[in-house]
Amino acid sequence: MTLFKKIPVTFADKDYEIRVLYDDASIHVIAFLNNHPANGYRYQIKIPTEFDVERVLGTDVVEELVEMSKNDIIEKRWENLLKVMHENKQRK
């Protein structure tokens, strides 16, 4: 995977990084914290072979995925999902 760009995000006194990575057939947007994935959410675009991935990288479509990844952090979506999963596990 090739790094296209990193977007710093600070929330709750933590410094996150949204990374946009790509290869010949896909684009990935992933939030990182301390150089590790920050949560279980990943955004991926699979690009058909007849299209140039690098031309898609600078578009609003990718920026929307970056914003979604930021909102996952701000809204604490992963933490909320873990809480629900943990509660459901205890009921079994």
PDB file of N, CA and C in Angstrom:
ATOM      1  N   MET A   1       0.838  -1.184   0.000  1.00  0.00           N
ATOM      2  CA  MET A   1       0.000   0.000   0.000  1.00  0.00           C
ATOM      3  C   MET A   1       0.881   1.245   0.000  1.00  0.00           C
ATOM      4  N   THR A   2       0.423   2.231  -0.684  1.00  0.00           N
ATOM      5  CA  THR A   2       1.130   3.500  -0.759  1.00  0.00           C
ATOM      6  C   THR A   2       0.345   4.537   0.035  1.00  0.00           C
ATOM      7  N   LEU A   3       1.042   5.322   0.814  1.00  0.00           N
ATOM      8  CA  LEU A   3       0.399   6.388   1.582  1.00  0.00           C
ATOM      9  C   LEU A   3       0.148   7.578   0.673  1.00  0.00           C
ATOM     10  N   PHE A   4      -1.105   8.008   0.602  1.00  0.00           N
ATOM     11  CA  PHE A   4      -1.456   9.202  -0.167  1.00  0.00           C
ATOM     12  C   PHE A   4      -1.344  10.440   0.713  1.00  0.00           C
ATOM     13  N   LYS A   5      -1.959  10.373   1.910  1.00  0.00           N
ATOM     14  CA  LYS A   5      -1.843  11.495   2.843  1.00  0.00           C
ATOM     15  C   LYS A   5      -2.262  11.086   4.240  1.00  0.00           C
ATOM     16  N   LYS A   6      -1.839  11.906   5.203  1.00  0.00           N
ATOM     17  CA  LYS A   6      -2.193  11.752   6.612  1.00  0.00           C
ATOM     18  C   LYS A   6      -2.905  13.025   7.050  1.00  0.00           C
ATOM     19  N   ILE A   7      -3.980  12.852   7.787  1.00  0.00           N
ATOM     20  CA  ILE A   7      -4.739  13.997   8.296  1.00  0.00           C
ATOM     21  C   ILE A   7      -4.746  13.907   9.818  1.00  0.00           C
ATOM     22  N   PRO A   8      -4.121  14.860  10.505  1.00  0.00           N
ATOM     23  CA  PRO A   8      -4.120  14.823  11.969  1.00  0.00           C
ATOM     24  C   PRO A   8      -5.487  15.203  12.538  1.00  0.00           C
ATOM     25  N   VAL A   9      -5.872  14.518  13.597  1.00  0.00           N
ATOM     26  CA  VAL A   9      -7.135  14.783  14.290  1.00  0.00           C
ATOM     27  C   VAL A   9      -6.857  14.680  15.786  1.00  0.00           C
ATOM     28  N   THR A  10      -7.188  15.731  16.522  1.00  0.00           N
ATOM     29  CA  THR A  10      -7.045  15.697  17.975  1.00  0.00           C
ATOM     30  C   THR A  10      -8.438  15.663  18.586  1.00  0.00           C
ATOM     31  N   PHE A  11      -8.635  14.693  19.469  1.00  0.00           N
ATOM     32  CA  PHE A  11      -9.912  14.556  20.158  1.00  0.00           C
ATOM     33  C   PHE A  11      -9.653  13.946  21.525  1.00  0.00           C
ATOM     34  N   ALA A  12     -10.256  14.523  22.543  1.00  0.00           N
ATOM     35  CA  ALA A  12     -10.144  14.039  23.923  1.00  0.00           C
ATOM     36  C   ALA A  12      -8.673  13.884  24.327  1.00  0.00           C
ATOM     37  N   ASP A  13      -7.898  14.893  24.012  1.00  0.00           N
ATOM     38  CA  ASP A  13      -6.468  14.926  24.354  1.00  0.00           C
ATOM     39  C   ASP A  13      -5.663  13.784  23.731  1.00  0.00           C
ATOM     40  N   LYS A  14      -6.158  13.213  22.655  1.00  0.00           N
ATOM     41  CA  LYS A  14      -5.433  12.175  21.934  1.00  0.00           C
ATOM     42  C   LYS A  14      -5.195  12.648  20.505  1.00  0.00           C
ATOM     43  N   ASP A  15      -4.016  12.326  19.980  1.00  0.00           N
ATOM     44  CA  ASP A  15      -3.656  12.711  18.620  1.00  0.00           C
ATOM     45  C   ASP A  15      -3.827  11.520  17.684  1.00  0.00           C
ATOM     46  N   TYR A  16      -4.877  11.587  16.885  1.00  0.00           N
ATOM     47  CA  TYR A  16      -5.172  10.556  15.902  1.00  0.00           C
ATOM     48  C   TYR A  16      -4.596  10.975  14.552  1.00  0.00           C
ATOM     49  N   GLU A  17      -4.621  10.026  13.648  1.00  0.00           N
ATOM     50  CA  GLU A  17      -4.155  10.285  12.292  1.00  0.00           C
ATOM     51  C   GLU A  17      -5.054   9.488  11.351  1.00  0.00           C
ATOM     52  N   ILE A  18      -5.667  10.170  10.410  1.00  0.00           N
ATOM     53  CA  ILE A  18      -6.444   9.492   9.379  1.00  0.00           C
ATOM     54  C   ILE A  18      -5.498   9.296   8.206  1.00  0.00           C
ATOM     55  N   ARG A  19      -5.327   8.049   7.793  1.00  0.00           N
ATOM     56  CA  ARG A  19      -4.431   7.750   6.670  1.00  0.00           C
ATOM     57  C   ARG A  19      -5.239   7.308   5.457  1.00  0.00           C
ATOM     58  N   VAL A  20      -4.878   7.883   4.326  1.00  0.00           N
ATOM     59  CA  VAL A  20      -5.455   7.473   3.052  1.00  0.00           C
ATOM     60  C   VAL A  20      -4.363   6.701   2.320  1.00  0.00           C
ATOM     61  N   LEU A  21      -4.637   5.419   2.105  1.00  0.00           N
ATOM     62  CA  LEU A  21      -3.677   4.515   1.466  1.00  0.00           C
ATOM     63  C   LEU A  21      -4.301   3.970   0.186  1.00  0.00           C
ATOM     64  N   TYR A  22      -3.444   3.563  -0.749  1.00  0.00           N
ATOM     65  CA  TYR A  22      -3.989   3.009  -1.990  1.00  0.00           C
ATOM     66  C   TYR A  22      -3.035   2.012  -2.619  1.00  0.00           C
ATOM     67  N   ASP A  23      -3.610   1.201  -3.508  1.00  0.00           N
ATOM     68  CA  ASP A  23      -2.833   0.335  -4.381  1.00  0.00           C
ATOM     69  C   ASP A  23      -3.487   0.427  -5.762  1.00  0.00           C
ATOM     70  N   ASP A  24      -3.171  -0.477  -6.649  1.00  0.00           N
ATOM     71  CA  ASP A  24      -3.687  -0.386  -8.020  1.00  0.00           C
ATOM     72  C   ASP A  24      -5.197  -0.558  -8.134  1.00  0.00           C
ATOM     73  N   ALA A  25      -5.805  -1.167  -7.135  1.00  0.00           N
ATOM     74  CA  ALA A  25      -7.215  -1.502  -7.260  1.00  0.00           C
ATOM     75  C   ALA A  25      -8.093  -0.998  -6.125  1.00  0.00           C
ATOM     76  N   SER A  26      -7.519  -0.297  -5.138  1.00  0.00           N
ATOM     77  CA  SER A  26      -8.346   0.116  -4.004  1.00  0.00           C
ATOM     78  C   SER A  26      -7.768   1.323  -3.272  1.00  0.00           C
ATOM     79  N   ILE A  27      -8.670   1.976  -2.552  1.00  0.00           N
ATOM     80  CA  ILE A  27      -8.319   3.097  -1.682  1.00  0.00           C
ATOM     81  C   ILE A  27      -8.829   2.740  -0.289  1.00  0.00           C
ATOM     82  N   HIS A  28      -8.018   2.975   0.727  1.00  0.00           N
ATOM     83  CA  HIS A  28      -8.386   2.660   2.104  1.00  0.00           C
ATOM     84  C   HIS A  28      -8.239   3.912   2.964  1.00  0.00           C
ATOM     85  N   VAL A  29      -9.210   4.134   3.834  1.00  0.00           N
ATOM     86  CA  VAL A  29      -9.169   5.242   4.793  1.00  0.00           C
ATOM     87  C   VAL A  29      -9.281   4.616   6.176  1.00  0.00           C
ATOM     88  N   ILE A  30      -8.240   4.842   6.994  1.00  0.00           N
ATOM     89  CA  ILE A  30      -8.151   4.185   8.305  1.00  0.00           C
ATOM     90  C   ILE A  30      -7.675   5.193   9.340  1.00  0.00           C
ATOM     91  N   ALA A  31      -8.314   5.188  10.507  1.00  0.00           N
ATOM     92  CA  ALA A  31      -7.886   6.036  11.628  1.00  0.00           C
ATOM     93  C   ALA A  31      -6.823   5.297  12.430  1.00  0.00           C
ATOM     94  N   PHE A  32      -5.783   6.025  12.822  1.00  0.00           N
ATOM     95  CA  PHE A  32      -4.710   5.458  13.630  1.00  0.00           C
ATOM     96  C   PHE A  32      -4.530   6.256  14.913  1.00  0.00           C
ATOM     97  N   LEU A  33      -4.084   5.563  15.951  1.00  0.00           N
ATOM     98  CA  LEU A  33      -3.723   6.173  17.229  1.00  0.00           C
ATOM     99  C   LEU A  33      -2.441   5.488  17.677  1.00  0.00           C
ATOM    100  N   ASN A  34      -1.417   6.268  17.937  1.00  0.00           N
ATOM    101  CA  ASN A  34      -0.116   5.710  18.338  1.00  0.00           C
ATOM    102  C   ASN A  34       0.401   4.679  17.333  1.00  0.00           C
ATOM    103  N   ASN A  35       0.212   4.987  16.064  1.00  0.00           N
ATOM    104  CA  ASN A  35       0.714   4.169  14.962  1.00  0.00           C
ATOM    105  C   ASN A  35       0.038   2.798  14.847  1.00  0.00           C
ATOM    106  N   HIS A  36      -1.129   2.645  15.477  1.00  0.00           N
ATOM    107  CA  HIS A  36      -1.924   1.425  15.382  1.00  0.00           C
ATOM    108  C   HIS A  36      -3.346   1.814  14.990  1.00  0.00           C
ATOM    109  N   PRO A  37      -4.075   0.912  14.332  1.00  0.00           N
ATOM    110  CA  PRO A  37      -5.475   1.239  14.022  1.00  0.00           C
ATOM    111  C   PRO A  37      -6.225   1.663  15.286  1.00  0.00           C
ATOM    112  N   ALA A  38      -6.944   2.759  15.182  1.00  0.00           N
ATOM    113  CA  ALA A  38      -7.633   3.329  16.347  1.00  0.00           C
ATOM    114  C   ALA A  38      -8.929   2.598  16.663  1.00  0.00           C
ATOM    115  N   ASN A  39      -9.503   1.946  15.677  1.00  0.00           N
ATOM    116  CA  ASN A  39     -10.766   1.252  15.887  1.00  0.00           C
ATOM    117  C   ASN A  39     -10.938   0.186  14.812  1.00  0.00           C
ATOM    118  N   GLY A  40     -12.075  -0.445  14.799  1.00  0.00           N
ATOM    119  CA  GLY A  40     -12.335  -1.510  13.844  1.00  0.00           C
ATOM    120  C   GLY A  40     -12.962  -1.058  12.545  1.00  0.00           C
ATOM    121  N   TYR A  41     -13.137   0.242  12.384  1.00  0.00           N
ATOM    122  CA  TYR A  41     -13.748   0.754  11.169  1.00  0.00           C
ATOM    123  C   TYR A  41     -12.701   1.014  10.099  1.00  0.00           C
ATOM    124  N   ARG A  42     -13.021   0.603   8.879  1.00  0.00           N
ATOM    125  CA  ARG A  42     -12.185   0.840   7.705  1.00  0.00           C
ATOM    126  C   ARG A  42     -13.117   1.248   6.575  1.00  0.00           C
ATOM    127  N   TYR A  43     -12.680   2.189   5.779  1.00  0.00           N
ATOM    128  CA  TYR A  43     -13.443   2.567   4.601  1.00  0.00           C
ATOM    129  C   TYR A  43     -12.610   2.198   3.384  1.00  0.00           C
ATOM    130  N   GLN A  44     -13.238   1.492   2.452  1.00  0.00           N
ATOM    131  CA  GLN A  44     -12.512   0.986   1.307  1.00  0.00           C
ATOM    132  C   GLN A  44     -13.315   1.236   0.040  1.00  0.00           C
ATOM    133  N   ILE A  45     -12.607   1.629  -0.992  1.00  0.00           N
ATOM    134  CA  ILE A  45     -13.194   1.775  -2.322  1.00  0.00           C
ATOM    135  C   ILE A  45     -12.447   0.810  -3.234  1.00  0.00           C
ATOM    136  N   LYS A  46     -13.168  -0.075  -3.880  1.00  0.00           N
ATOM    137  CA  LYS A  46     -12.575  -0.969  -4.864  1.00  0.00           C
ATOM    138  C   LYS A  46     -12.744  -0.311  -6.236  1.00  0.00           C
ATOM    139  N   ILE A  47     -11.635  -0.111  -6.929  1.00  0.00           N
ATOM    140  CA  ILE A  47     -11.642   0.590  -8.206  1.00  0.00           C
ATOM    141  C   ILE A  47     -11.513  -0.431  -9.341  1.00  0.00           C
ATOM    142  N   PRO A  48     -12.451  -0.417 -10.301  1.00  0.00           N
ATOM    143  CA  PRO A  48     -12.322  -1.320 -11.451  1.00  0.00           C
ATOM    144  C   PRO A  48     -11.012  -1.027 -12.204  1.00  0.00           C
ATOM    145  N   THR A  49     -10.464  -2.041 -12.819  1.00  0.00           N
ATOM    146  CA  THR A  49      -9.154  -1.922 -13.458  1.00  0.00           C
ATOM    147  C   THR A  49      -9.100  -0.888 -14.570  1.00  0.00           C
ATOM    148  N   GLU A  50     -10.221  -0.572 -15.181  1.00  0.00           N
ATOM    149  CA  GLU A  50     -10.198   0.395 -16.282  1.00  0.00           C
ATOM    150  C   GLU A  50     -10.103   1.850 -15.810  1.00  0.00           C
ATOM    151  N   PHE A  51     -10.101   2.074 -14.486  1.00  0.00           N
ATOM    152  CA  PHE A  51      -9.992   3.421 -13.944  1.00  0.00           C
ATOM    153  C   PHE A  51      -8.646   3.623 -13.253  1.00  0.00           C
ATOM    154  N   ASP A  52      -8.191   4.842 -13.243  1.00  0.00           N
ATOM    155  CA  ASP A  52      -6.924   5.202 -12.611  1.00  0.00           C
ATOM    156  C   ASP A  52      -7.184   5.579 -11.152  1.00  0.00           C
ATOM    157  N   VAL A  53      -6.677   4.783 -10.235  1.00  0.00           N
ATOM    158  CA  VAL A  53      -6.885   5.012  -8.801  1.00  0.00           C
ATOM    159  C   VAL A  53      -6.389   6.395  -8.398  1.00  0.00           C
ATOM    160  N   GLU A  54      -5.251   6.803  -8.884  1.00  0.00           N
ATOM    161  CA  GLU A  54      -4.672   8.080  -8.466  1.00  0.00           C
ATOM    162  C   GLU A  54      -5.546   9.275  -8.834  1.00  0.00           C
ATOM    163  N   ARG A  55      -6.348   9.151  -9.874  1.00  0.00           N
ATOM    164  CA  ARG A  55      -7.256  10.258 -10.234  1.00  0.00           C
ATOM    165  C   ARG A  55      -8.420  10.363  -9.257  1.00  0.00           C
ATOM    166  N   VAL A  56      -8.775   9.267  -8.628  1.00  0.00           N
ATOM    167  CA  VAL A  56      -9.884   9.257  -7.664  1.00  0.00           C
ATOM    168  C   VAL A  56      -9.430   9.822  -6.314  1.00  0.00           C
ATOM    169  N   LEU A  57      -8.146   9.688  -5.997  1.00  0.00           N
ATOM    170  CA  LEU A  57      -7.630  10.082  -4.677  1.00  0.00           C
ATOM    171  C   LEU A  57      -7.931  11.523  -4.297  1.00  0.00           C
ATOM    172  N   GLY A  58      -7.860  12.434  -5.211  1.00  0.00           N
ATOM    173  CA  GLY A  58      -8.056  13.848  -4.884  1.00  0.00           C
ATOM    174  C   GLY A  58      -9.490  14.326  -4.967  1.00  0.00           C
ATOM    175  N   THR A  59     -10.430  13.421  -5.016  1.00  0.00           N
ATOM    176  CA  THR A  59     -11.824  13.819  -5.204  1.00  0.00           C
ATOM    177  C   THR A  59     -12.578  13.947  -3.881  1.00  0.00           C
ATOM    178  N   ASP A  60     -13.754  14.533  -3.975  1.00  0.00           N
ATOM    179  CA  ASP A  60     -14.622  14.697  -2.801  1.00  0.00           C
ATOM    180  C   ASP A  60     -15.059  13.350  -2.232  1.00  0.00           C
ATOM    181  N   VAL A  61     -15.108  12.325  -3.057  1.00  0.00           N
ATOM    182  CA  VAL A  61     -15.524  10.999  -2.589  1.00  0.00           C
ATOM    183  C   VAL A  61     -14.585  10.525  -1.487  1.00  0.00           C
ATOM    184  N   VAL A  62     -13.292  10.684  -1.673  1.00  0.00           N
ATOM    185  CA  VAL A  62     -12.318  10.266  -0.662  1.00  0.00           C
ATOM    186  C   VAL A  62     -12.402  11.176   0.553  1.00  0.00           C
ATOM    187  N   GLU A  63     -12.592  12.464   0.342  1.00  0.00           N
ATOM    188  CA  GLU A  63     -12.718  13.399   1.464  1.00  0.00           C
ATOM    189  C   GLU A  63     -13.921  13.068   2.330  1.00  0.00           C
ATOM    190  N   GLU A  64     -15.002  12.590   1.722  1.00  0.00           N
ATOM    191  CA  GLU A  64     -16.169  12.176   2.500  1.00  0.00           C
ATOM    192  C   GLU A  64     -15.828  10.994   3.412  1.00  0.00           C
ATOM    193  N   LEU A  65     -15.025  10.064   2.911  1.00  0.00           N
ATOM    194  CA  LEU A  65     -14.613   8.928   3.735  1.00  0.00           C
ATOM    195  C   LEU A  65     -13.709   9.371   4.874  1.00  0.00           C
ATOM    196  N   VAL A  66     -12.866  10.362   4.622  1.00  0.00           N
ATOM    197  CA  VAL A  66     -12.021  10.923   5.680  1.00  0.00           C
ATOM    198  C   VAL A  66     -12.906  11.539   6.760  1.00  0.00           C
ATOM    199  N   GLU A  67     -13.927  12.275   6.360  1.00  0.00           N
ATOM    200  CA  GLU A  67     -14.843  12.890   7.327  1.00  0.00           C
ATOM    201  C   GLU A  67     -15.599  11.819   8.111  1.00  0.00           C
ATOM    202  N   MET A  68     -15.984  10.744   7.452  1.00  0.00           N
ATOM    203  CA  MET A  68     -16.664   9.647   8.151  1.00  0.00           C
ATOM    204  C   MET A  68     -15.742   9.031   9.192  1.00  0.00           C
ATOM    205  N   SER A  69     -14.484   8.880   8.842  1.00  0.00           N
ATOM    206  CA  SER A  69     -13.511   8.317   9.775  1.00  0.00           C
ATOM    207  C   SER A  69     -13.296   9.246  10.974  1.00  0.00           C
ATOM    208  N   LYS A  70     -13.246  10.549  10.730  1.00  0.00           N
ATOM    209  CA  LYS A  70     -13.137  11.519  11.824  1.00  0.00           C
ATOM    210  C   LYS A  70     -14.352  11.428  12.733  1.00  0.00           C
ATOM    211  N   ASN A  71     -15.529  11.334  12.128  1.00  0.00           N
ATOM    212  CA  ASN A  71     -16.756  11.259  12.921  1.00  0.00           C
ATOM    213  C   ASN A  71     -16.835   9.980  13.737  1.00  0.00           C
ATOM    214  N   ASP A  72     -16.270   8.886  13.234  1.00  0.00           N
ATOM    215  CA  ASP A  72     -16.216   7.655  14.023  1.00  0.00           C
ATOM    216  C   ASP A  72     -15.498   7.905  15.344  1.00  0.00           C
ATOM    217  N   ILE A  73     -14.422   8.678  15.278  1.00  0.00           N
ATOM    218  CA  ILE A  73     -13.646   9.004  16.481  1.00  0.00           C
ATOM    219  C   ILE A  73     -14.442   9.933  17.396  1.00  0.00           C
ATOM    220  N   ILE A  74     -14.943  11.004  16.846  1.00  0.00           N
ATOM    221  CA  ILE A  74     -15.641  12.030  17.635  1.00  0.00           C
ATOM    222  C   ILE A  74     -16.924  11.486  18.268  1.00  0.00           C
ATOM    223  N   GLU A  75     -17.644  10.666  17.521  1.00  0.00           N
ATOM    224  CA  GLU A  75     -18.897  10.095  18.021  1.00  0.00           C
ATOM    225  C   GLU A  75     -18.673   8.850  18.882  1.00  0.00           C
ATOM    226  N   LYS A  76     -17.414   8.419  19.007  1.00  0.00           N
ATOM    227  CA  LYS A  76     -17.045   7.232  19.785  1.00  0.00           C
ATOM    228  C   LYS A  76     -17.816   5.999  19.323  1.00  0.00           C
ATOM    229  N   ARG A  77     -17.938   5.842  18.019  1.00  0.00           N
ATOM    230  CA  ARG A  77     -18.709   4.731  17.469  1.00  0.00           C
ATOM    231  C   ARG A  77     -18.127   3.374  17.844  1.00  0.00           C
ATOM    232  N   TRP A  78     -16.803   3.261  17.820  1.00  0.00           N
ATOM    233  CA  TRP A  78     -16.192   1.971  18.153  1.00  0.00           C
ATOM    234  C   TRP A  78     -16.424   1.622  19.617  1.00  0.00           C
ATOM    235  N   GLU A  79     -16.253   2.591  20.495  1.00  0.00           N
ATOM    236  CA  GLU A  79     -16.470   2.361  21.914  1.00  0.00           C
ATOM    237  C   GLU A  79     -17.919   1.956  22.184  1.00  0.00           C
ATOM    238  N   ASN A  80     -18.848   2.621  21.494  1.00  0.00           N
ATOM    239  CA  ASN A  80     -20.267   2.284  21.652  1.00  0.00           C
ATOM    240  C   ASN A  80     -20.568   0.878  21.141  1.00  0.00           C
ATOM    241  N   LEU A  81     -19.950   0.507  20.023  1.00  0.00           N
ATOM    242  CA  LEU A  81     -20.148  -0.835  19.492  1.00  0.00           C
ATOM    243  C   LEU A  81     -19.574  -1.883  20.436  1.00  0.00           C
ATOM    244  N   LEU A  82     -18.400  -1.634  20.981  1.00  0.00           N
ATOM    245  CA  LEU A  82     -17.806  -2.572  21.939  1.00  0.00           C
ATOM    246  C   LEU A  82     -18.698  -2.748  23.167  1.00  0.00           C
ATOM    247  N   LYS A  83     -19.295  -1.661  23.612  1.00  0.00           N
ATOM    248  CA  LYS A  83     -20.193  -1.729  24.767  1.00  0.00           C
ATOM    249  C   LYS A  83     -21.394  -2.624  24.449  1.00  0.00           C
ATOM    250  N   VAL A  84     -21.983  -2.444  23.294  1.00  0.00           N
ATOM    251  CA  VAL A  84     -23.130  -3.258  22.893  1.00  0.00           C
ATOM    252  C   VAL A  84     -22.728  -4.727  22.771  1.00  0.00           C
ATOM    253  N   MET A  85     -21.587  -4.977  22.153  1.00  0.00           N
ATOM    254  CA  MET A  85     -21.121  -6.361  22.000  1.00  0.00           C
ATOM    255  C   MET A  85     -20.859  -7.001  23.361  1.00  0.00           C
ATOM    256  N   HIS A  86     -20.261  -6.246  24.257  1.00  0.00           N
ATOM    257  CA  HIS A  86     -19.971  -6.766  25.592  1.00  0.00           C
ATOM    258  C   HIS A  86     -21.268  -7.065  26.351  1.00  0.00           C
ATOM    259  N   GLU A  87     -22.246  -6.185  26.259  1.00  0.00           N
ATOM    260  CA  GLU A  87     -23.533  -6.414  26.924  1.00  0.00           C
ATOM    261  C   GLU A  87     -24.215  -7.648  26.365  1.00  0.00           C
ATOM    262  N   ASN A  88     -24.166  -7.833  25.056  1.00  0.00           N
ATOM    263  CA  ASN A  88     -24.806  -9.003  24.436  1.00  0.00           C
ATOM    264  C   ASN A  88     -24.083 -10.288  24.789  1.00  0.00           C
ATOM    265  N   LYS A  89     -22.780 -10.222  24.965  1.00  0.00           N
ATOM    266  CA  LYS A  89     -21.990 -11.404  25.329  1.00  0.00           C
ATOM    267  C   LYS A  89     -22.380 -11.874  26.729  1.00  0.00           C
ATOM    268  N   GLN A  90     -22.598 -10.946  27.648  1.00  0.00           N
ATOM    269  CA  GLN A  90     -22.930 -11.286  29.027  1.00  0.00           C
ATOM    270  C   GLN A  90     -24.310 -11.922  29.135  1.00  0.00           C
ATOM    271  N   ARG A  91     -25.200 -11.650  28.205  1.00  0.00           N
ATOM    272  CA  ARG A  91     -26.567 -12.180  28.256  1.00  0.00           C
ATOM    273  C   ARG A  91     -26.634 -13.646  27.866  1.00  0.00           C
ATOM    274  N   LYS A  92     -25.628 -14.148  27.199  1.00  0.00           N
ATOM    275  CA  LYS A  92     -25.666 -15.546  26.726  1.00  0.00           C
ATOM    276  C   LYS A  92     -25.390 -16.516  27.838  1.00  0.00           C
TER     277      LYS A  92
END
